[in-house]
Each structure stands twice: as C-alpha cells, then as structure tokens.
Amino acid sequence: MAPPKAKGGKMLSLINWRLKITLNDGRVLTGQMLAFDKHMNLVLADCEEFRRAEAGPPQDMKRTLGLVILRGETVVSLSVEGPPPVVDEDKKNALLPGPGRGLPAGRGMGMMPPALAGRPMPYGPPGMPGPPPGFRPPGMPPGMPFPPPPPGFGFQPPPQ
C-alpha cells in the first residue's frame, strides 16, 4: 500500500508512518515519524537503532531508543517500512487508563458549588471575610447592605 498523496508534499503524507532512516555514520533507525521541519529534522516515536559491530565477526546490534529527535543534517536516506498503526473508532474517543483524573488546580481554596458557579457573588469566596472596602457589585445601590453569604462561605462568628 503506497502512502496517500498530501497537499503539503511527500513528507507530510508520511506523518505517522513507520520509516527506516539511514544516517551518515552507517546506523539505521526505524520508528514512527511524528513531525519534521524544513531542515529535515525528524521526530520519531518507538525508535530502534540498528548498527553493525566493527570488531570481531560481523553482527547486527539492536538498541531501543524510544522518542528521538533526529538532526536532518545526519539523514542520508529515508524509506517507508510500514503504514500508520490502525486505530479503532471505538478506542479513538475512549479515555486511556491512567493513575487518576485531571482536575483544575485552585489556589488553596475550595471550588465553588455548581449551583453558585454561574452567577457573580456579592460575598467573598471561602476563607475570605467579605468584599474589599469600597467594592460594590454592579447594580447594587450604595446604601444597600450586602446579603448574608450562604452557610460555609465567608466569615462565620463562633457559636456561643
């Protein structure tokens, strides 16, 4: 199966394809091409290095490198070794298993309850005693007192 034609050129059509790259020192790298630039610098994923041992009987040595950024100046030849990996439509949208769930990080204060998250607060968030001096929410007349904060927010006098 030949790589499909792409509007951006031959290299752009090889993104995610498994390539075999020969370097000017004789080493051969194989990996999945993730990116390239105008200097032919390459980013390869799941990269493996193959080279011939110089001393003793000729033997091929293999080394797993992983993610590699390769300087374009060292590339002698590039050939397609295999098509991109097949991704099932079911797995494309599924979450990958991991150690936990990403949540937004606050600045040491709790998150707003969902019921209060959409509207502006006429009182301070948890841990703050109230609005700063001279602050008035939009539309609040100067003489009108602030409404009391809901339970758990703002300053709470100690029970007596």
Protein backbone atom coordinates (compact mmCIF):
# COMPACT_ATOMS: atom_id res chain seq x y z
CA MET A 1 0.00 0.00 0.00
CA ALA A 2 1.51 3.31 -1.08
CA PRO A 3 1.30 6.40 1.13
CA PRO A 4 -1.55 8.73 0.10
CA LYS A 5 -0.81 12.00 -1.70
CA ALA A 6 -0.99 15.08 0.52
CA LYS A 7 -1.32 18.74 -0.39
CA GLY A 8 1.69 19.67 1.79
CA GLY A 9 4.09 17.38 -0.07
CA LYS A 10 5.56 13.91 0.23
CA MET A 11 6.91 14.34 3.79
CA LEU A 12 3.56 15.48 5.15
CA SER A 13 1.92 12.37 3.72
CA LEU A 14 4.38 10.23 5.74
CA ILE A 15 3.34 11.55 9.16
CA ASN A 16 2.58 8.57 11.50
CA TRP A 17 4.08 6.11 9.00
CA ARG A 18 6.83 3.72 10.13
CA LEU A 19 10.08 4.78 8.43
CA LYS A 20 13.59 3.41 8.03
CA ILE A 21 16.24 6.14 8.15
CA THR A 22 19.93 5.63 7.28
CA LEU A 23 22.37 8.01 8.95
CA ASN A 24 25.72 9.24 7.64
CA ASP A 25 27.63 7.14 10.22
CA GLY A 26 26.07 3.88 8.98
CA ARG A 27 23.42 3.44 11.67
CA VAL A 28 19.84 2.65 10.69
CA LEU A 29 16.88 3.94 12.71
CA THR A 30 13.31 2.72 12.41
CA GLY A 31 10.38 4.49 14.03
CA GLN A 32 7.06 6.21 13.56
CA MET A 33 7.52 9.74 12.20
CA LEU A 34 5.61 12.26 14.29
CA ALA A 35 7.00 15.53 12.90
CA PHE A 36 9.54 17.14 10.55
CA ASP A 37 10.68 20.63 9.58
CA LYS A 38 12.34 22.45 6.66
CA HIS A 39 15.79 21.23 7.74
CA MET A 40 14.60 17.59 7.64
CA ASN A 41 14.88 17.31 11.42
CA LEU A 42 12.67 14.39 12.39
CA VAL A 43 10.79 13.31 15.49
CA LEU A 44 10.47 9.52 15.70
CA ALA A 45 8.39 7.55 18.21
CA ASP A 46 9.12 3.94 19.26
CA CYS A 47 12.52 4.28 17.61
CA GLU A 48 15.05 1.43 17.36
CA GLU A 49 18.68 1.69 16.30
CA PHE A 50 20.45 -0.98 14.24
CA ARG A 51 24.21 -0.97 13.63
CA ARG A 52 26.96 -3.37 12.68
CA ALA A 53 29.63 -4.25 15.23
CA GLU A 54 33.04 -3.25 13.85
CA ALA A 55 35.21 -5.55 15.97
CA GLY A 56 35.14 -9.30 15.51
CA PRO A 57 32.67 -11.18 13.32
CA PRO A 58 30.01 -9.01 11.65
CA GLN A 59 26.85 -8.93 13.73
CA ASP A 60 23.87 -6.59 13.90
CA MET A 61 23.28 -4.84 17.21
CA LYS A 62 19.79 -3.57 18.07
CA ARG A 63 19.02 -0.88 20.66
CA THR A 64 15.61 0.52 21.66
CA LEU A 65 15.69 4.32 21.89
CA GLY A 66 12.04 5.38 22.27
CA LEU A 67 11.28 9.01 21.35
CA VAL A 68 14.06 10.54 19.24
CA ILE A 69 14.70 13.98 17.76
CA LEU A 70 16.99 13.46 14.78
CA ARG A 71 19.03 16.25 13.18
CA GLY A 72 18.29 16.47 9.47
CA GLU A 73 21.96 17.00 8.60
CA THR A 74 22.70 13.36 9.51
CA VAL A 75 19.95 11.79 7.33
CA VAL A 76 21.26 10.02 4.22
CA SER A 77 18.16 8.11 3.12
CA LEU A 78 14.59 7.59 4.19
CA SER A 79 12.24 4.78 3.18
CA VAL A 80 8.79 3.58 4.19
CA GLU A 81 8.80 0.46 6.33
CA GLY A 82 5.10 0.23 7.19
CA PRO A 83 1.76 2.07 7.29
CA PRO A 84 0.47 4.00 10.30
CA PRO A 85 -0.99 1.90 13.11
CA VAL A 86 -4.70 1.17 12.78
CA VAL A 87 -6.86 2.98 15.35
CA ASP A 88 -10.31 1.55 16.08
CA GLU A 89 -13.12 4.12 16.11
CA ASP A 90 -14.20 2.74 19.50
CA LYS A 91 -10.77 3.33 21.02
CA LYS A 92 -10.24 6.75 19.41
CA ASN A 93 -12.75 8.51 21.70
CA ALA A 94 -12.21 6.35 24.78
CA LEU A 95 -10.18 7.66 27.70
CA LEU A 96 -6.86 5.98 28.21
CA PRO A 97 -6.38 4.22 31.54
CA GLY A 98 -4.28 6.22 33.95
CA PRO A 99 -3.50 6.83 37.59
CA GLY A 100 -6.33 9.29 38.13
CA ARG A 101 -8.42 12.10 36.77
CA GLY A 102 -7.20 15.57 35.87
CA LEU A 103 -8.87 18.36 37.80
CA PRO A 104 -8.29 22.10 37.75
CA ALA A 105 -5.91 23.28 40.44
CA GLY A 106 -7.09 26.09 42.67
CA ARG A 107 -5.00 28.43 44.78
CA GLY A 108 -5.61 26.73 48.11
CA MET A 109 -9.33 27.47 48.19
CA GLY A 110 -12.17 25.08 47.54
CA MET A 111 -14.09 25.04 44.28
CA MET A 112 -17.41 26.85 44.02
CA PRO A 113 -20.54 24.73 44.42
CA PRO A 114 -22.12 24.07 40.99
CA ALA A 115 -25.29 25.99 41.92
CA LEU A 116 -23.27 29.16 42.58
CA ALA A 117 -20.68 28.84 39.83
CA GLY A 118 -22.64 30.70 37.13
CA ARG A 119 -23.60 33.94 38.88
CA PRO A 120 -21.42 36.67 40.46
CA MET A 121 -21.01 36.54 44.22
CA PRO A 122 -21.86 39.55 46.38
CA TYR A 123 -19.64 37.99 49.09
CA GLY A 124 -16.12 36.60 49.25
CA PRO A 125 -15.14 33.06 48.39
CA PRO A 126 -14.49 30.56 51.20
CA GLY A 127 -11.76 31.79 53.50
CA MET A 128 -12.29 35.49 52.80
CA PRO A 129 -14.25 37.66 55.25
CA GLY A 130 -16.18 39.57 52.59
CA PRO A 131 -15.78 42.06 49.76
CA PRO A 132 -12.89 44.53 49.90
CA PRO A 133 -13.64 48.03 51.24
CA GLY A 134 -15.40 50.23 48.72
CA PHE A 135 -16.42 47.32 46.47
CA ARG A 136 -19.97 47.30 45.19
CA PRO A 137 -21.26 44.71 42.69
CA PRO A 138 -22.79 46.18 39.52
CA GLY A 139 -26.35 47.36 40.05
CA MET A 140 -26.16 47.47 43.86
CA PRO A 141 -27.11 50.91 45.29
CA PRO A 142 -24.58 52.49 47.69
CA GLY A 143 -26.79 52.32 50.81
CA MET A 144 -27.99 48.74 50.40
CA PRO A 145 -26.36 46.18 52.72
CA PHE A 146 -24.78 43.03 51.34
CA PRO A 147 -26.86 39.85 51.53
CA PRO A 148 -25.52 37.31 54.01
CA PRO A 149 -23.31 34.61 52.50
CA PRO A 150 -24.66 31.07 52.29
CA PRO A 151 -23.61 28.65 55.03
CA GLY A 152 -19.97 27.67 54.75
CA PHE A 153 -18.88 30.85 52.94
CA GLY A 154 -17.28 33.99 54.31
CA PHE A 155 -16.89 34.92 57.96
CA GLN A 156 -18.82 32.82 60.46
CA PRO A 157 -18.99 34.10 64.05
CA PRO A 158 -18.03 31.45 66.60
CA PRO A 159 -21.02 29.80 68.34
CA GLN A 160 -21.60 30.95 71.92
